[in-house]
């Protein structure tokens, strides 16, 4: 009896099948609707369980060997969890882009909009993405995150939920997918570099690669966003607002989306610049004692021959 209700939580909903008259081949696509909330809730619970498995069987065992402080212990767990997620999402998203060839033709970002019909892989990818970032909210309590770290983590979790859900609801799945894949690659490099840094503080080359790619991806994101919202969608043949058709191609929506992307990228660059300045100041402070030590050694060496 409960099978028909349980399937709403487990299976991807709103399947739409098309059949061409000249050919008996059927094409399966998916739309979105209120039932997706149940599916997202189920996979959010799956994400919580996977989070606990990774924490207990992988991260905790590594932590015992490294003997990290409480601050580094919290950051290590955060980077460990995110590194697994970013790696999985990057590989999955890159395979979808390769299969659908979204990157080969940038006009697919706005051509034939609205893209209200999704293939299974695209829809399931977005379901899992939203479910993962929603699961991160209760994990702030389950993992007993320090109070001073909660605002920072809560900020980027909410930004992920807002942007990914916005791309999903506004039928901008192609643009969202193309922007997510390089962003996840950059974040993967950062958190992997931080994990290596915690194991050995001399391993910092990964941060240099991350810094270069971070700036490039920010420029790529701004370029594609301006191209899509400022030029592409403004010139399509079917502008208008229709919730039934999934068409949100009106000026206020385009300005709102472009503004949200630009503000987010500006905020990320601001955080990035502050991070680099802080790192540079720490490097300078560490160099000053070393210079003093070398200067005193040189003075002693010069005095010793005179004494002799």
Foldseek 3Di string as FASTA:
>chain_A
DCPVVVCLQDPADAWDWDADPVDRDIDIWHFDDPSLVSNLQNLLVVLLVVLVCCVPVPLVVVCVVLVDDPVLSLLLSVLSSLLVVLVVLLVLLVVVCVVVVCVVDLLVQQPPPQQRIHHPSLVVSLSNQLSNLVSVVCVCVVVVPDPVCVVVSVVVSVLSNVLSVVCRLLSSSSLVSVLSNLVSVLSSLVSVQSNVCSNPVVRNVSVVVSLVSLVVSLVVNLVSLCCCLVPNLVPYPDADDDSVVSHPSDNVVSVVSSVSSVVVSVVVVVVVVVVVVVVVVVVVVVVVVVVVVVVVVVVVVVVVVVVD
